[in-house]
Amino acid sequence: MSVVHVAVTRKVQPGREAKFEQALREFAREPLREPGTTGVHLIAPVAGTNGCEYGILRSFESEEASRRFYDSEVFHQWQRQSSHLVTGDSVVRRLHGLEAFFRDSKHEPPRWKMAVVTWLGVYPSVLLWSSTLPQYLDGAPQLFVVAFVNVFVVVTLAWAVMPLLTTLFAGWLQASNKK
């Protein structure tokens, strides 16, 4: 099972920020009861700036749970209720980078632990592909060879190594954060 993280942001109409923030807080609490939802974080502009983009980052147990939530009446009702407070459409982004590998429902591990686990994934991936692929690219420009090796390293990390390592090290990654 792969955890899914989705960020949905909206631009709020000037002067309606307080109403939107209140509505967003209420909306954030309610859907936590939905099956498959594992966490929620609110996104707001930095205080004292003229930012108007607000959002919500939700974590789900699976792609199916995410799809079920965003197709639900609860979500559609929220879209209708907040429509008079915002401009434009929602922007929906699924997090797929390294930041998504270290998210869980409660805690973010210390950066040094994320760095250690990332290194444990990068080192063998680079070693494997940099010792295997160049022999097949003999005569190709060095920049091309390095770029080609890096494509394989990134794909290996994103779809195999990091999901495995974050699962294996989940207890250690979260150990110092539980209070």
N, C-alpha and C. Protein backbone atom coordinates (compact mmCIF):
# COMPACT_ATOMS: atom_id res chain seq x y z
N MET A 1 0.85 -1.17 0.00
CA MET A 1 0.00 0.00 0.00
C MET A 1 0.90 1.24 0.00
N SER A 2 0.59 2.19 -0.85
CA SER A 2 1.40 3.38 -1.00
C SER A 2 0.61 4.60 -0.53
N VAL A 3 1.20 5.38 0.37
CA VAL A 3 0.56 6.57 0.87
C VAL A 3 0.52 7.62 -0.24
N VAL A 4 -0.59 8.34 -0.34
CA VAL A 4 -0.79 9.36 -1.36
C VAL A 4 -0.96 10.71 -0.67
N HIS A 5 -0.28 11.74 -1.19
CA HIS A 5 -0.36 13.08 -0.64
C HIS A 5 -0.86 14.02 -1.73
N VAL A 6 -1.90 14.79 -1.41
CA VAL A 6 -2.50 15.70 -2.39
C VAL A 6 -2.63 17.09 -1.77
N ALA A 7 -2.11 18.09 -2.48
CA ALA A 7 -2.26 19.49 -2.06
C ALA A 7 -3.28 20.16 -2.97
N VAL A 8 -4.27 20.80 -2.36
CA VAL A 8 -5.28 21.55 -3.11
C VAL A 8 -5.20 22.99 -2.63
N THR A 9 -4.94 23.92 -3.55
CA THR A 9 -4.84 25.33 -3.18
C THR A 9 -5.90 26.15 -3.91
N ARG A 10 -6.28 27.27 -3.28
CA ARG A 10 -7.27 28.20 -3.85
C ARG A 10 -6.78 29.62 -3.60
N LYS A 11 -7.11 30.52 -4.50
CA LYS A 11 -6.83 31.95 -4.30
C LYS A 11 -8.09 32.57 -3.72
N VAL A 12 -7.91 33.23 -2.59
CA VAL A 12 -9.04 33.81 -1.86
C VAL A 12 -9.22 35.27 -2.29
N GLN A 13 -10.47 35.67 -2.41
CA GLN A 13 -10.79 37.05 -2.77
C GLN A 13 -10.33 37.99 -1.66
N PRO A 14 -9.77 39.14 -2.04
CA PRO A 14 -9.34 40.12 -1.02
C PRO A 14 -10.48 40.48 -0.08
N GLY A 15 -10.16 40.52 1.21
CA GLY A 15 -11.16 40.86 2.22
C GLY A 15 -11.95 39.67 2.73
N ARG A 16 -11.77 38.51 2.13
CA ARG A 16 -12.52 37.32 2.54
C ARG A 16 -11.63 36.27 3.20
N GLU A 17 -10.39 36.65 3.49
CA GLU A 17 -9.41 35.71 4.02
C GLU A 17 -9.86 35.09 5.35
N ALA A 18 -10.34 35.91 6.28
CA ALA A 18 -10.75 35.39 7.60
C ALA A 18 -11.89 34.39 7.48
N LYS A 19 -12.88 34.70 6.65
CA LYS A 19 -14.00 33.77 6.46
C LYS A 19 -13.53 32.47 5.83
N PHE A 20 -12.62 32.58 4.85
CA PHE A 20 -12.12 31.37 4.19
C PHE A 20 -11.31 30.53 5.17
N GLU A 21 -10.44 31.17 5.94
CA GLU A 21 -9.63 30.43 6.92
C GLU A 21 -10.52 29.65 7.89
N GLN A 22 -11.56 30.29 8.39
CA GLN A 22 -12.47 29.62 9.32
C GLN A 22 -13.16 28.43 8.63
N ALA A 23 -13.66 28.67 7.43
CA ALA A 23 -14.33 27.60 6.68
C ALA A 23 -13.35 26.46 6.39
N LEU A 24 -12.10 26.79 6.06
CA LEU A 24 -11.09 25.78 5.76
C LEU A 24 -10.79 24.93 7.00
N ARG A 25 -10.69 25.58 8.15
CA ARG A 25 -10.44 24.83 9.40
C ARG A 25 -11.58 23.84 9.68
N GLU A 26 -12.79 24.29 9.51
CA GLU A 26 -13.94 23.41 9.74
C GLU A 26 -13.94 22.25 8.74
N PHE A 27 -13.65 22.55 7.48
CA PHE A 27 -13.61 21.51 6.45
C PHE A 27 -12.48 20.52 6.73
N ALA A 28 -11.36 21.00 7.25
CA ALA A 28 -10.22 20.12 7.52
C ALA A 28 -10.55 19.08 8.59
N ARG A 29 -11.32 19.46 9.58
CA ARG A 29 -11.67 18.54 10.68
C ARG A 29 -12.63 17.44 10.24
N GLU A 30 -13.67 17.81 9.56
CA GLU A 30 -14.74 16.87 9.22
C GLU A 30 -14.27 15.65 8.41
N PRO A 31 -13.58 15.84 7.30
CA PRO A 31 -13.22 14.68 6.48
C PRO A 31 -12.15 13.77 7.08
N LEU A 32 -11.57 14.12 8.22
CA LEU A 32 -10.63 13.20 8.86
C LEU A 32 -11.32 11.90 9.24
N ARG A 33 -12.62 11.92 9.35
CA ARG A 33 -13.39 10.72 9.69
C ARG A 33 -13.61 9.82 8.48
N GLU A 34 -13.31 10.34 7.27
CA GLU A 34 -13.51 9.56 6.05
C GLU A 34 -12.53 8.39 6.02
N PRO A 35 -12.98 7.21 5.65
CA PRO A 35 -12.09 6.05 5.58
C PRO A 35 -10.92 6.30 4.62
N GLY A 36 -9.73 5.94 5.06
CA GLY A 36 -8.55 6.07 4.21
C GLY A 36 -7.82 7.39 4.31
N THR A 37 -8.39 8.38 5.02
CA THR A 37 -7.71 9.66 5.21
C THR A 37 -6.80 9.52 6.43
N THR A 38 -5.51 9.81 6.26
CA THR A 38 -4.57 9.60 7.36
C THR A 38 -4.01 10.89 7.95
N GLY A 39 -4.22 12.02 7.29
CA GLY A 39 -3.70 13.26 7.85
C GLY A 39 -4.11 14.47 7.03
N VAL A 40 -3.97 15.63 7.67
CA VAL A 40 -4.32 16.88 7.00
C VAL A 40 -3.45 18.00 7.56
N HIS A 41 -3.00 18.87 6.67
CA HIS A 41 -2.22 20.05 7.05
C HIS A 41 -2.78 21.23 6.28
N LEU A 42 -2.94 22.36 6.97
CA LEU A 42 -3.45 23.56 6.32
C LEU A 42 -2.29 24.39 5.80
N ILE A 43 -2.52 25.04 4.66
CA ILE A 43 -1.51 25.87 4.03
C ILE A 43 -2.06 27.29 3.98
N ALA A 44 -1.29 28.26 4.49
CA ALA A 44 -1.74 29.66 4.50
C ALA A 44 -0.58 30.56 4.09
N PRO A 45 -0.90 31.74 3.60
CA PRO A 45 0.17 32.69 3.24
C PRO A 45 0.95 33.10 4.49
N VAL A 46 2.16 33.55 4.29
CA VAL A 46 2.97 34.04 5.40
C VAL A 46 2.32 35.29 5.97
N ALA A 47 2.20 35.34 7.29
CA ALA A 47 1.58 36.51 7.95
C ALA A 47 2.32 37.78 7.57
N GLY A 48 1.58 38.84 7.32
CA GLY A 48 2.17 40.12 6.99
C GLY A 48 2.47 40.30 5.51
N THR A 49 2.14 39.32 4.69
CA THR A 49 2.34 39.46 3.25
C THR A 49 0.98 39.66 2.58
N ASN A 50 1.00 39.95 1.32
CA ASN A 50 -0.24 40.13 0.58
C ASN A 50 -0.68 38.84 -0.10
N GLY A 51 -0.16 37.71 0.35
CA GLY A 51 -0.52 36.43 -0.25
C GLY A 51 -1.99 36.12 -0.10
N CYS A 52 -2.55 35.47 -1.09
CA CYS A 52 -3.97 35.15 -1.03
C CYS A 52 -4.22 33.67 -1.33
N GLU A 53 -3.15 32.87 -1.38
CA GLU A 53 -3.31 31.45 -1.71
C GLU A 53 -3.34 30.61 -0.43
N TYR A 54 -4.42 29.87 -0.28
CA TYR A 54 -4.62 29.00 0.87
C TYR A 54 -4.81 27.58 0.35
N GLY A 55 -4.57 26.63 1.23
CA GLY A 55 -4.78 25.27 0.76
C GLY A 55 -4.79 24.26 1.88
N ILE A 56 -4.85 23.03 1.43
CA ILE A 56 -4.93 21.91 2.36
C ILE A 56 -4.15 20.74 1.75
N LEU A 57 -3.31 20.14 2.57
CA LEU A 57 -2.54 18.97 2.16
C LEU A 57 -3.14 17.78 2.88
N ARG A 58 -3.63 16.82 2.12
CA ARG A 58 -4.23 15.62 2.70
C ARG A 58 -3.40 14.40 2.36
N SER A 59 -3.36 13.49 3.31
CA SER A 59 -2.68 12.21 3.10
C SER A 59 -3.70 11.10 3.17
N PHE A 60 -3.53 10.12 2.30
CA PHE A 60 -4.46 9.00 2.19
C PHE A 60 -3.69 7.68 2.20
N GLU A 61 -4.37 6.63 2.64
CA GLU A 61 -3.77 5.30 2.68
C GLU A 61 -3.44 4.77 1.30
N SER A 62 -4.20 5.22 0.28
CA SER A 62 -4.02 4.66 -1.06
C SER A 62 -4.58 5.62 -2.11
N GLU A 63 -4.28 5.34 -3.35
CA GLU A 63 -4.83 6.11 -4.46
C GLU A 63 -6.35 5.98 -4.47
N GLU A 64 -6.84 4.79 -4.17
CA GLU A 64 -8.30 4.56 -4.15
C GLU A 64 -8.98 5.43 -3.09
N ALA A 65 -8.37 5.52 -1.90
CA ALA A 65 -8.94 6.36 -0.83
C ALA A 65 -8.93 7.83 -1.24
N SER A 66 -7.87 8.27 -1.91
CA SER A 66 -7.79 9.64 -2.39
C SER A 66 -8.89 9.91 -3.41
N ARG A 67 -9.02 9.04 -4.37
CA ARG A 67 -10.04 9.20 -5.41
C ARG A 67 -11.45 9.21 -4.80
N ARG A 68 -11.67 8.32 -3.84
CA ARG A 68 -12.98 8.24 -3.17
C ARG A 68 -13.30 9.56 -2.46
N PHE A 69 -12.31 10.13 -1.79
CA PHE A 69 -12.54 11.38 -1.08
C PHE A 69 -12.84 12.53 -2.04
N TYR A 70 -12.02 12.68 -3.09
CA TYR A 70 -12.22 13.81 -4.00
C TYR A 70 -13.44 13.63 -4.90
N ASP A 71 -14.00 12.45 -4.95
CA ASP A 71 -15.27 12.23 -5.66
C ASP A 71 -16.47 12.30 -4.71
N SER A 72 -16.21 12.46 -3.42
CA SER A 72 -17.27 12.39 -2.42
C SER A 72 -18.14 13.65 -2.39
N GLU A 73 -19.31 13.49 -1.83
CA GLU A 73 -20.23 14.62 -1.65
C GLU A 73 -19.64 15.61 -0.65
N VAL A 74 -18.90 15.14 0.35
CA VAL A 74 -18.28 16.03 1.34
C VAL A 74 -17.37 17.03 0.63
N PHE A 75 -16.53 16.54 -0.28
CA PHE A 75 -15.62 17.42 -0.99
C PHE A 75 -16.37 18.37 -1.93
N HIS A 76 -17.33 17.85 -2.66
CA HIS A 76 -18.09 18.68 -3.60
C HIS A 76 -18.90 19.75 -2.87
N GLN A 77 -19.40 19.39 -1.70
CA GLN A 77 -20.14 20.37 -0.89
C GLN A 77 -19.20 21.49 -0.45
N TRP A 78 -17.98 21.13 -0.04
CA TRP A 78 -16.99 22.14 0.34
C TRP A 78 -16.69 23.07 -0.84
N GLN A 79 -16.54 22.51 -2.02
CA GLN A 79 -16.26 23.33 -3.19
C GLN A 79 -17.39 24.34 -3.43
N ARG A 80 -18.62 23.88 -3.28
CA ARG A 80 -19.78 24.77 -3.48
C ARG A 80 -19.84 25.84 -2.38
N GLN A 81 -19.65 25.43 -1.13
CA GLN A 81 -19.76 26.36 -0.01
C GLN A 81 -18.68 27.44 -0.03
N SER A 82 -17.50 27.12 -0.53
CA SER A 82 -16.41 28.10 -0.52
C SER A 82 -16.29 28.88 -1.82
N SER A 83 -17.10 28.57 -2.80
CA SER A 83 -16.94 29.18 -4.13
C SER A 83 -17.10 30.70 -4.11
N HIS A 84 -17.92 31.25 -3.22
CA HIS A 84 -18.11 32.70 -3.17
C HIS A 84 -16.95 33.43 -2.48
N LEU A 85 -16.02 32.67 -1.91
CA LEU A 85 -14.88 33.26 -1.20
C LEU A 85 -13.60 33.26 -2.03
N VAL A 86 -13.60 32.57 -3.15
CA VAL A 86 -12.37 32.35 -3.92
C VAL A 86 -12.51 32.86 -5.35
N THR A 87 -11.36 32.94 -6.02
CA THR A 87 -11.35 33.26 -7.44
C THR A 87 -10.67 32.11 -8.18
N GLY A 88 -11.17 31.80 -9.34
CA GLY A 88 -10.56 30.74 -10.14
C GLY A 88 -10.85 29.36 -9.59
N ASP A 89 -10.26 28.38 -10.26
CA ASP A 89 -10.44 26.98 -9.89
C ASP A 89 -9.40 26.53 -8.88
N SER A 90 -9.67 25.41 -8.25
CA SER A 90 -8.69 24.78 -7.37
C SER A 90 -7.49 24.31 -8.18
N VAL A 91 -6.32 24.36 -7.54
CA VAL A 91 -5.13 23.77 -8.14
C VAL A 91 -4.82 22.52 -7.32
N VAL A 92 -4.81 21.36 -7.98
CA VAL A 92 -4.59 20.09 -7.30
C VAL A 92 -3.23 19.55 -7.72
N ARG A 93 -2.38 19.26 -6.71
CA ARG A 93 -1.06 18.71 -6.99
C ARG A 93 -0.84 17.48 -6.13
N ARG A 94 -0.43 16.42 -6.77
CA ARG A 94 -0.03 15.21 -6.04
C ARG A 94 1.46 15.33 -5.78
N LEU A 95 1.87 15.04 -4.55
CA LEU A 95 3.29 15.13 -4.21
C LEU A 95 3.97 13.81 -4.55
N HIS A 96 4.98 13.91 -5.38
CA HIS A 96 5.68 12.70 -5.82
C HIS A 96 7.17 12.75 -5.52
N GLY A 97 7.67 13.88 -5.12
CA GLY A 97 9.10 14.02 -4.88
C GLY A 97 9.50 13.41 -3.55
N LEU A 98 10.74 13.63 -3.18
CA LEU A 98 11.24 13.08 -1.92
C LEU A 98 10.43 13.55 -0.73
N GLU A 99 9.86 14.77 -0.80
CA GLU A 99 9.08 15.25 0.35
C GLU A 99 7.93 14.31 0.66
N ALA A 100 7.38 13.68 -0.35
CA ALA A 100 6.24 12.79 -0.13
C ALA A 100 6.65 11.49 0.56
N PHE A 101 7.88 11.05 0.34
CA PHE A 101 8.32 9.80 0.96
C PHE A 101 8.39 9.89 2.47
N PHE A 102 8.63 11.09 3.00
CA PHE A 102 8.83 11.24 4.43
C PHE A 102 7.62 11.77 5.17
N ARG A 103 6.50 11.91 4.49
CA ARG A 103 5.28 12.38 5.12
C ARG A 103 4.59 11.18 5.76
N ASP A 104 4.03 11.40 6.89
CA ASP A 104 3.13 10.41 7.46
C ASP A 104 2.00 11.16 8.12
N SER A 105 1.11 10.44 8.75
CA SER A 105 -0.09 11.08 9.24
C SER A 105 0.14 11.99 10.43
N LYS A 106 1.24 11.86 11.13
CA LYS A 106 1.40 12.61 12.36
C LYS A 106 2.67 13.46 12.42
N HIS A 107 3.78 12.94 11.91
CA HIS A 107 5.07 13.59 12.17
C HIS A 107 5.94 13.65 10.93
N GLU A 108 6.77 14.67 10.90
CA GLU A 108 7.81 14.74 9.89
C GLU A 108 9.12 14.44 10.60
N PRO A 109 9.91 13.50 10.09
CA PRO A 109 11.16 13.17 10.78
C PRO A 109 12.18 14.31 10.69
N PRO A 110 13.17 14.30 11.57
CA PRO A 110 14.22 15.32 11.49
C PRO A 110 14.93 15.23 10.12
N ARG A 111 15.40 16.37 9.64
CA ARG A 111 16.06 16.40 8.33
C ARG A 111 17.26 15.46 8.27
N TRP A 112 18.01 15.34 9.36
CA TRP A 112 19.20 14.50 9.31
C TRP A 112 18.82 13.04 9.08
N LYS A 113 17.67 12.61 9.63
CA LYS A 113 17.22 11.23 9.39
C LYS A 113 16.77 11.06 7.94
N MET A 114 16.10 12.08 7.40
CA MET A 114 15.70 12.01 5.99
C MET A 114 16.94 11.94 5.11
N ALA A 115 17.97 12.70 5.47
CA ALA A 115 19.22 12.69 4.69
C ALA A 115 19.89 11.32 4.74
N VAL A 116 19.93 10.69 5.90
CA VAL A 116 20.55 9.37 6.03
C VAL A 116 19.81 8.34 5.17
N VAL A 117 18.48 8.31 5.26
CA VAL A 117 17.71 7.35 4.49
C VAL A 117 17.84 7.63 2.99
N THR A 118 17.85 8.90 2.61
CA THR A 118 18.02 9.25 1.20
C THR A 118 19.39 8.77 0.71
N TRP A 119 20.44 9.00 1.50
CA TRP A 119 21.78 8.53 1.13
C TRP A 119 21.80 7.01 0.98
N LEU A 120 21.11 6.31 1.90
CA LEU A 120 21.06 4.84 1.80
C LEU A 120 20.40 4.38 0.51
N GLY A 121 19.55 5.20 -0.06
CA GLY A 121 18.94 4.87 -1.35
C GLY A 121 19.76 5.32 -2.53
N VAL A 122 20.35 6.52 -2.42
CA VAL A 122 21.11 7.09 -3.54
C VAL A 122 22.40 6.31 -3.79
N TYR A 123 23.15 6.03 -2.74
CA TYR A 123 24.46 5.39 -2.91
C TYR A 123 24.39 4.08 -3.71
N PRO A 124 23.58 3.10 -3.30
CA PRO A 124 23.57 1.86 -4.09
C PRO A 124 22.98 2.04 -5.49
N SER A 125 22.02 2.96 -5.62
CA SER A 125 21.43 3.20 -6.95
C SER A 125 22.47 3.78 -7.90
N VAL A 126 23.22 4.77 -7.43
CA VAL A 126 24.28 5.37 -8.25
C VAL A 126 25.35 4.33 -8.56
N LEU A 127 25.74 3.58 -7.55
CA LEU A 127 26.77 2.55 -7.75
C LEU A 127 26.33 1.52 -8.79
N LEU A 128 25.11 1.04 -8.67
CA LEU A 128 24.59 0.05 -9.62
C LEU A 128 24.59 0.58 -11.04
N TRP A 129 23.92 1.72 -11.26
CA TRP A 129 23.74 2.21 -12.63
C TRP A 129 25.01 2.81 -13.22
N SER A 130 25.86 3.41 -12.40
CA SER A 130 27.09 4.00 -12.95
C SER A 130 28.13 2.93 -13.27
N SER A 131 27.99 1.76 -12.68
CA SER A 131 28.92 0.68 -13.04
C SER A 131 28.35 -0.24 -14.11
N THR A 132 27.06 -0.17 -14.37
CA THR A 132 26.42 -1.05 -15.35
C THR A 132 26.22 -0.38 -16.71
N LEU A 133 25.63 0.79 -16.73
CA LEU A 133 25.20 1.42 -17.99
C LEU A 133 26.31 1.97 -18.87
N PRO A 134 27.34 2.62 -18.33
CA PRO A 134 28.34 3.23 -19.22
C PRO A 134 28.98 2.27 -20.22
N GLN A 135 29.12 1.01 -19.89
CA GLN A 135 29.73 0.06 -20.83
C GLN A 135 28.90 -0.10 -22.10
N TYR A 136 27.60 0.16 -22.00
CA TYR A 136 26.73 0.07 -23.17
C TYR A 136 26.67 1.38 -23.96
N LEU A 137 27.27 2.41 -23.41
CA LEU A 137 27.24 3.72 -24.06
C LEU A 137 28.64 4.17 -24.46
N ASP A 138 29.51 3.21 -24.71
CA ASP A 138 30.89 3.49 -25.08
C ASP A 138 30.94 4.42 -26.29
N GLY A 139 31.69 5.48 -26.17
CA GLY A 139 31.83 6.44 -27.27
C GLY A 139 30.85 7.59 -27.19
N ALA A 140 29.84 7.50 -26.35
CA ALA A 140 28.87 8.60 -26.21
C ALA A 140 29.51 9.72 -25.40
N PRO A 141 29.10 10.96 -25.62
CA PRO A 141 29.64 12.08 -24.83
C PRO A 141 29.39 11.86 -23.33
N GLN A 142 30.36 12.25 -22.53
CA GLN A 142 30.29 12.05 -21.08
C GLN A 142 29.04 12.66 -20.46
N LEU A 143 28.66 13.86 -20.91
CA LEU A 143 27.45 14.49 -20.36
C LEU A 143 26.21 13.64 -20.63
N PHE A 144 26.12 13.04 -21.79
CA PHE A 144 25.00 12.16 -22.13
C PHE A 144 25.00 10.93 -21.22
N VAL A 145 26.18 10.33 -21.03
CA VAL A 145 26.29 9.13 -20.19
C VAL A 145 25.84 9.45 -18.76
N VAL A 146 26.31 10.56 -18.22
CA VAL A 146 25.94 10.95 -16.85
C VAL A 146 24.44 11.21 -16.77
N ALA A 147 23.89 11.91 -17.74
CA ALA A 147 22.45 12.19 -17.75
C ALA A 147 21.65 10.90 -17.84
N PHE A 148 22.08 9.98 -18.68
CA PHE A 148 21.39 8.70 -18.85
C PHE A 148 21.42 7.88 -17.56
N VAL A 149 22.57 7.83 -16.92
CA VAL A 149 22.71 7.12 -15.63
C VAL A 149 21.78 7.75 -14.60
N ASN A 150 21.74 9.09 -14.57
CA ASN A 150 20.88 9.77 -13.59
C ASN A 150 19.40 9.50 -13.80
N VAL A 151 18.99 9.34 -15.04
CA VAL A 151 17.59 8.99 -15.29
C VAL A 151 17.27 7.67 -14.61
N PHE A 152 18.14 6.68 -14.76
CA PHE A 152 17.91 5.38 -14.14
C PHE A 152 17.96 5.47 -12.62
N VAL A 153 18.87 6.29 -12.08
CA VAL A 153 18.97 6.47 -10.63
C VAL A 153 17.66 7.06 -10.09
N VAL A 154 17.17 8.12 -10.72
CA VAL A 154 15.96 8.79 -10.24
C VAL A 154 14.75 7.86 -10.32
N VAL A 155 14.60 7.15 -11.42
CA VAL A 155 13.48 6.22 -11.57
C VAL A 155 13.56 5.12 -10.52
N THR A 156 14.75 4.59 -10.30
CA THR A 156 14.94 3.55 -9.29
C THR A 156 14.58 4.06 -7.90
N LEU A 157 15.01 5.28 -7.58
CA LEU A 157 14.71 5.86 -6.28
C LEU A 157 13.21 6.09 -6.11
N ALA A 158 12.59 6.70 -7.11
CA ALA A 158 11.19 7.11 -6.99
C ALA A 158 10.23 5.93 -6.91
N TRP A 159 10.48 4.88 -7.69
CA TRP A 159 9.50 3.80 -7.76
C TRP A 159 9.89 2.53 -7.02
N ALA A 160 11.11 2.45 -6.54
CA ALA A 160 11.49 1.20 -5.86
C ALA A 160 12.18 1.45 -4.52
N VAL A 161 13.31 2.13 -4.55
CA VAL A 161 14.17 2.21 -3.37
C VAL A 161 13.57 3.05 -2.25
N MET A 162 13.13 4.29 -2.54
CA MET A 162 12.63 5.15 -1.46
C MET A 162 11.34 4.61 -0.82
N PRO A 163 10.38 4.12 -1.60
CA PRO A 163 9.21 3.53 -0.92
C PRO A 163 9.61 2.36 0.00
N LEU A 164 10.56 1.55 -0.45
CA LEU A 164 11.01 0.42 0.36
C LEU A 164 11.73 0.90 1.62
N LEU A 165 12.67 1.83 1.46
CA LEU A 165 13.45 2.31 2.61
C LEU A 165 12.59 3.05 3.64
N THR A 166 11.67 3.87 3.17
CA THR A 166 10.83 4.59 4.14
C THR A 166 9.90 3.65 4.89
N THR A 167 9.53 2.55 4.26
CA THR A 167 8.73 1.54 4.96
C THR A 167 9.60 0.80 5.97
N LEU A 168 10.80 0.38 5.54
CA LEU A 168 11.71 -0.35 6.42
C LEU A 168 12.15 0.47 7.64
N PHE A 169 12.39 1.76 7.42
CA PHE A 169 12.91 2.63 8.48
C PHE A 169 11.83 3.48 9.14
N ALA A 170 10.57 3.19 8.91
CA ALA A 170 9.47 4.02 9.43
C ALA A 170 9.56 4.20 10.95
N GLY A 171 9.79 3.14 11.68
CA GLY A 171 9.89 3.25 13.14
C GLY A 171 11.01 4.16 13.58
N TRP A 172 12.17 4.01 12.97
CA TRP A 172 13.33 4.84 13.31
C TRP A 172 13.10 6.29 12.90
N LEU A 173 12.54 6.50 11.71
CA LEU A 173 12.30 7.87 11.25
C LEU A 173 11.36 8.62 12.19
N GLN A 174 10.39 7.94 12.75
CA GLN A 174 9.39 8.59 13.59
C GLN A 174 9.71 8.54 15.08
N ALA A 175 10.67 7.72 15.47
CA ALA A 175 10.93 7.45 16.90
C ALA A 175 11.11 8.70 17.74
N SER A 176 11.92 9.64 17.31
CA SER A 176 12.20 10.82 18.15
C SER A 176 11.10 11.86 18.08
N ASN A 177 10.11 11.67 17.21
CA ASN A 177 9.05 12.67 17.05
C ASN A 177 7.83 12.38 17.88
N LYS A 178 7.66 11.16 18.34
CA LYS A 178 6.46 10.80 19.08
C LYS A 178 6.55 11.34 20.50
N LYS A 179 5.51 12.02 20.87
CA LYS A 179 5.54 12.65 22.21
C LYS A 179 4.36 12.22 23.02
